[in-house]
Each structure stands twice: as structure tokens, then as C-alpha cells.
Amino acid sequence: MKRLALFAAAALCAAGPALAGPNDQAGKRWKQADICVGDANKQVPDHNAAAQRKRDQLANDCMVAHKLPPLTNIAPADDTPPAPVTPKPN
């Protein structure tokens, strides 16, 4: 039984790099998207609406430069404050 478990563990270790190896295009795209968003966050660390729009634009410019689809905008459309949240009646 121990030999079977050892063999299974060795087979999984050997197959792991082949499953997510250097030819993993999706992994490369996700990594580049993470780099684009991280760079935009470093360039514009503020948390107001104008900074969020600028951060979205920087990230999208980087994504387009690397032939990736642009991100969905997260920033609010304008500088108007969000509507107040009304509590639900119990």
C-alpha cells in the first residue's frame, strides 16, 4: 500500500509541471493582467473617484498594449457621492 501511495505521489509531482508548464497561455495572460493592475495601483495609490478612474485607464492601457481584453471599469462614473443606504424595515 505504501508503494502505491509513493508511486501516486511521484506521478503527480512529475505531471504537475507538465499541466501548468511554460506553454500555459491562460496563466501567462492572468499573470500579465495582475502585473498591469499592480502597476496601476502603484502609480495611483489614492482612493477617491478620480484616482479610481485614472487607475482603470492605466490598467486598461496596459492590457490593450499586451493584447489582452480591457477590464470592466470599477470606478464610479462621476464624482457624485453615492446614494445613502436606507435601512430595511424589519
N, C-alpha and C. Protein backbone atom coordinates (compact mmCIF):
# COMPACT_ATOMS: atom_id res chain seq x y z
N MET A 1 0.82 -1.19 0.00
CA MET A 1 0.00 0.00 0.00
C MET A 1 0.86 1.25 0.00
N LYS A 2 1.96 1.21 0.77
CA LYS A 2 2.85 2.36 0.82
C LYS A 2 3.49 2.60 -0.54
N ARG A 3 3.81 1.51 -1.24
CA ARG A 3 4.42 1.67 -2.56
C ARG A 3 3.44 2.32 -3.54
N LEU A 4 2.18 1.95 -3.46
CA LEU A 4 1.18 2.53 -4.34
C LEU A 4 1.02 4.03 -4.05
N ALA A 5 0.99 4.39 -2.78
CA ALA A 5 0.87 5.81 -2.42
C ALA A 5 2.11 6.58 -2.85
N LEU A 6 3.27 5.99 -2.70
CA LEU A 6 4.50 6.64 -3.12
C LEU A 6 4.53 6.81 -4.63
N PHE A 7 4.08 5.79 -5.36
CA PHE A 7 4.03 5.87 -6.82
C PHE A 7 3.05 6.96 -7.27
N ALA A 8 1.90 7.03 -6.63
CA ALA A 8 0.90 8.03 -6.98
C ALA A 8 1.43 9.43 -6.71
N ALA A 9 2.12 9.62 -5.59
CA ALA A 9 2.68 10.92 -5.26
C ALA A 9 3.76 11.31 -6.27
N ALA A 10 4.59 10.36 -6.65
CA ALA A 10 5.65 10.64 -7.63
C ALA A 10 5.04 10.97 -9.00
N ALA A 11 3.98 10.28 -9.37
CA ALA A 11 3.34 10.56 -10.66
C ALA A 11 2.72 11.95 -10.67
N LEU A 12 2.10 12.35 -9.58
CA LEU A 12 1.52 13.69 -9.51
C LEU A 12 2.58 14.77 -9.54
N CYS A 13 3.68 14.53 -8.86
CA CYS A 13 4.77 15.51 -8.86
C CYS A 13 5.37 15.65 -10.26
N ALA A 14 5.46 14.55 -10.97
CA ALA A 14 6.03 14.59 -12.32
C ALA A 14 5.06 15.24 -13.30
N ALA A 15 3.78 15.06 -13.11
CA ALA A 15 2.79 15.60 -14.05
C ALA A 15 2.46 17.05 -13.76
N GLY A 16 2.69 17.54 -12.56
CA GLY A 16 2.34 18.90 -12.19
C GLY A 16 2.94 19.95 -13.10
N PRO A 17 4.26 19.96 -13.33
CA PRO A 17 4.83 20.97 -14.22
C PRO A 17 4.34 20.84 -15.65
N ALA A 18 4.02 19.64 -16.09
CA ALA A 18 3.53 19.47 -17.46
C ALA A 18 2.13 20.05 -17.61
N LEU A 19 1.33 20.01 -16.56
CA LEU A 19 -0.03 20.52 -16.63
C LEU A 19 -0.06 22.05 -16.63
N ALA A 20 0.84 22.67 -15.91
CA ALA A 20 0.87 24.13 -15.83
C ALA A 20 2.25 24.63 -16.20
N GLY A 21 2.76 24.17 -17.31
CA GLY A 21 4.11 24.49 -17.73
C GLY A 21 4.23 25.84 -18.40
N PRO A 22 5.37 26.06 -19.03
CA PRO A 22 5.63 27.37 -19.65
C PRO A 22 4.74 27.65 -20.85
N ASN A 23 4.06 26.66 -21.40
CA ASN A 23 3.18 26.88 -22.54
C ASN A 23 1.75 27.17 -22.13
N ASP A 24 1.52 27.44 -20.87
CA ASP A 24 0.19 27.72 -20.34
C ASP A 24 -0.19 29.16 -20.68
N GLN A 25 -0.87 29.37 -21.82
CA GLN A 25 -1.20 30.71 -22.29
C GLN A 25 -2.16 31.44 -21.35
N ALA A 26 -3.12 30.74 -20.81
CA ALA A 26 -4.07 31.38 -19.91
C ALA A 26 -3.36 31.89 -18.66
N GLY A 27 -2.45 31.09 -18.14
CA GLY A 27 -1.69 31.50 -16.96
C GLY A 27 -0.85 32.73 -17.24
N LYS A 28 -0.25 32.79 -18.43
CA LYS A 28 0.56 33.95 -18.80
C LYS A 28 -0.31 35.20 -18.90
N ARG A 29 -1.51 35.03 -19.46
CA ARG A 29 -2.41 36.18 -19.58
C ARG A 29 -2.86 36.69 -18.22
N TRP A 30 -3.20 35.78 -17.32
CA TRP A 30 -3.62 36.18 -15.98
C TRP A 30 -2.48 36.89 -15.27
N LYS A 31 -1.27 36.37 -15.42
CA LYS A 31 -0.11 36.98 -14.76
C LYS A 31 0.11 38.39 -15.28
N GLN A 32 0.02 38.57 -16.61
CA GLN A 32 0.21 39.90 -17.18
C GLN A 32 -0.90 40.85 -16.73
N ALA A 33 -2.12 40.36 -16.64
CA ALA A 33 -3.22 41.20 -16.15
C ALA A 33 -2.96 41.63 -14.71
N ASP A 34 -2.46 40.72 -13.89
CA ASP A 34 -2.13 41.06 -12.50
C ASP A 34 -1.02 42.11 -12.44
N ILE A 35 -0.05 42.00 -13.33
CA ILE A 35 1.04 42.97 -13.38
C ILE A 35 0.50 44.34 -13.78
N CYS A 36 -0.37 44.38 -14.79
CA CYS A 36 -0.95 45.65 -15.23
C CYS A 36 -1.72 46.33 -14.10
N VAL A 37 -2.55 45.58 -13.40
CA VAL A 37 -3.34 46.15 -12.31
C VAL A 37 -2.43 46.57 -11.16
N GLY A 38 -1.42 45.77 -10.85
CA GLY A 38 -0.49 46.12 -9.78
C GLY A 38 0.29 47.38 -10.08
N ASP A 39 0.75 47.53 -11.33
CA ASP A 39 1.47 48.74 -11.71
C ASP A 39 0.57 49.97 -11.63
N ALA A 40 -0.68 49.82 -12.06
CA ALA A 40 -1.62 50.95 -11.98
C ALA A 40 -1.88 51.33 -10.52
N ASN A 41 -1.97 50.35 -9.64
CA ASN A 41 -2.19 50.63 -8.22
C ASN A 41 -0.99 51.33 -7.60
N LYS A 42 0.23 50.99 -8.06
CA LYS A 42 1.43 51.65 -7.54
C LYS A 42 1.52 53.08 -8.04
N GLN A 43 1.10 53.33 -9.28
CA GLN A 43 1.18 54.67 -9.84
C GLN A 43 0.13 55.61 -9.25
N VAL A 44 -1.04 55.08 -8.94
CA VAL A 44 -2.13 55.92 -8.40
C VAL A 44 -2.67 55.24 -7.14
N PRO A 45 -2.07 55.52 -5.98
CA PRO A 45 -2.48 54.83 -4.75
C PRO A 45 -3.69 55.45 -4.05
N ASP A 46 -4.19 56.60 -4.52
CA ASP A 46 -5.31 57.25 -3.85
C ASP A 46 -6.60 56.46 -4.04
N HIS A 47 -7.59 56.77 -3.19
CA HIS A 47 -8.84 56.01 -3.22
C HIS A 47 -10.07 56.86 -3.52
N ASN A 48 -9.88 58.03 -4.12
CA ASN A 48 -11.05 58.82 -4.49
C ASN A 48 -11.51 58.43 -5.89
N ALA A 49 -12.65 58.95 -6.31
CA ALA A 49 -13.24 58.53 -7.59
C ALA A 49 -12.36 58.91 -8.77
N ALA A 50 -11.74 60.08 -8.74
CA ALA A 50 -10.88 60.50 -9.85
C ALA A 50 -9.67 59.57 -9.97
N ALA A 51 -9.10 59.19 -8.83
CA ALA A 51 -7.95 58.29 -8.85
C ALA A 51 -8.37 56.90 -9.35
N GLN A 52 -9.55 56.46 -8.98
CA GLN A 52 -10.03 55.16 -9.46
C GLN A 52 -10.20 55.16 -10.97
N ARG A 53 -10.72 56.26 -11.52
CA ARG A 53 -10.86 56.34 -12.98
C ARG A 53 -9.50 56.33 -13.66
N LYS A 54 -8.55 57.08 -13.10
CA LYS A 54 -7.20 57.11 -13.67
C LYS A 54 -6.55 55.74 -13.58
N ARG A 55 -6.74 55.05 -12.46
CA ARG A 55 -6.19 53.70 -12.28
C ARG A 55 -6.79 52.74 -13.29
N ASP A 56 -8.10 52.83 -13.51
CA ASP A 56 -8.76 51.99 -14.51
C ASP A 56 -8.18 52.25 -15.90
N GLN A 57 -7.96 53.52 -16.22
CA GLN A 57 -7.44 53.87 -17.54
C GLN A 57 -6.02 53.35 -17.72
N LEU A 58 -5.18 53.48 -16.70
CA LEU A 58 -3.81 52.97 -16.77
C LEU A 58 -3.80 51.46 -16.94
N ALA A 59 -4.64 50.77 -16.18
CA ALA A 59 -4.70 49.31 -16.28
C ALA A 59 -5.20 48.89 -17.66
N ASN A 60 -6.22 49.57 -18.18
CA ASN A 60 -6.76 49.22 -19.50
C ASN A 60 -5.76 49.51 -20.61
N ASP A 61 -5.00 50.61 -20.50
CA ASP A 61 -3.98 50.91 -21.49
C ASP A 61 -2.91 49.81 -21.51
N CYS A 62 -2.51 49.36 -20.34
CA CYS A 62 -1.53 48.27 -20.25
C CYS A 62 -2.10 46.98 -20.83
N MET A 63 -3.35 46.70 -20.53
CA MET A 63 -3.98 45.47 -21.03
C MET A 63 -4.04 45.50 -22.56
N VAL A 64 -4.42 46.63 -23.14
CA VAL A 64 -4.51 46.74 -24.59
C VAL A 64 -3.11 46.63 -25.21
N ALA A 65 -2.11 47.21 -24.56
CA ALA A 65 -0.74 47.14 -25.06
C ALA A 65 -0.23 45.71 -25.11
N HIS A 66 -0.73 44.87 -24.22
CA HIS A 66 -0.32 43.46 -24.18
C HIS A 66 -1.33 42.54 -24.86
N LYS A 67 -2.22 43.14 -25.65
CA LYS A 67 -3.22 42.40 -26.43
C LYS A 67 -4.13 41.54 -25.55
N LEU A 68 -4.55 42.14 -24.44
CA LEU A 68 -5.48 41.49 -23.52
C LEU A 68 -6.78 42.29 -23.54
N PRO A 69 -7.91 41.67 -23.22
CA PRO A 69 -9.17 42.42 -23.18
C PRO A 69 -9.15 43.42 -22.03
N PRO A 70 -9.75 44.59 -22.23
CA PRO A 70 -9.77 45.59 -21.16
C PRO A 70 -10.63 45.12 -20.00
N LEU A 71 -10.32 45.65 -18.83
CA LEU A 71 -11.07 45.31 -17.64
C LEU A 71 -12.40 46.06 -17.62
N THR A 72 -13.35 45.54 -16.88
CA THR A 72 -14.60 46.26 -16.65
C THR A 72 -14.30 47.38 -15.68
N ASN A 73 -14.76 48.57 -16.00
CA ASN A 73 -14.46 49.72 -15.14
C ASN A 73 -15.06 49.54 -13.76
N ILE A 74 -14.25 49.83 -12.77
CA ILE A 74 -14.67 49.69 -11.38
C ILE A 74 -15.02 51.05 -10.81
N ALA A 75 -14.38 52.09 -11.33
CA ALA A 75 -14.58 53.43 -10.79
C ALA A 75 -15.99 53.93 -11.06
N PRO A 76 -16.51 54.77 -10.17
CA PRO A 76 -17.82 55.36 -10.42
C PRO A 76 -17.77 56.28 -11.64
N ALA A 77 -18.91 56.53 -12.24
CA ALA A 77 -18.98 57.30 -13.47
C ALA A 77 -18.60 58.76 -13.26
N ASP A 78 -18.89 59.34 -12.12
CA ASP A 78 -18.54 60.73 -11.87
C ASP A 78 -18.21 60.92 -10.40
N ASP A 79 -17.97 62.16 -9.99
CA ASP A 79 -17.57 62.44 -8.61
C ASP A 79 -18.74 62.65 -7.66
N THR A 80 -19.96 62.34 -8.11
CA THR A 80 -21.10 62.50 -7.22
C THR A 80 -21.02 61.46 -6.10
N PRO A 81 -21.38 61.86 -4.90
CA PRO A 81 -21.33 60.88 -3.80
C PRO A 81 -22.37 59.79 -4.00
N PRO A 82 -22.10 58.62 -3.49
CA PRO A 82 -23.08 57.54 -3.62
C PRO A 82 -24.35 57.85 -2.84
N ALA A 83 -25.43 57.28 -3.29
CA ALA A 83 -26.72 57.50 -2.63
C ALA A 83 -26.67 56.88 -1.23
N PRO A 84 -27.32 57.53 -0.27
CA PRO A 84 -27.33 56.97 1.09
C PRO A 84 -28.10 55.65 1.11
N VAL A 85 -27.63 54.78 1.94
CA VAL A 85 -28.26 53.46 2.07
C VAL A 85 -29.37 53.59 3.10
N THR A 86 -30.56 53.19 2.72
CA THR A 86 -31.69 53.23 3.65
C THR A 86 -31.83 51.86 4.29
N PRO A 87 -32.00 51.83 5.59
CA PRO A 87 -32.14 50.54 6.25
C PRO A 87 -33.46 49.88 5.89
N LYS A 88 -33.45 48.58 5.83
CA LYS A 88 -34.66 47.82 5.53
C LYS A 88 -35.52 47.71 6.78
N PRO A 89 -36.83 47.87 6.63
CA PRO A 89 -37.69 47.71 7.81
C PRO A 89 -37.74 46.22 8.21
N ASN A 90 -37.79 46.01 9.49
CA ASN A 90 -37.83 44.62 9.99
C ASN A 90 -39.20 44.09 10.07
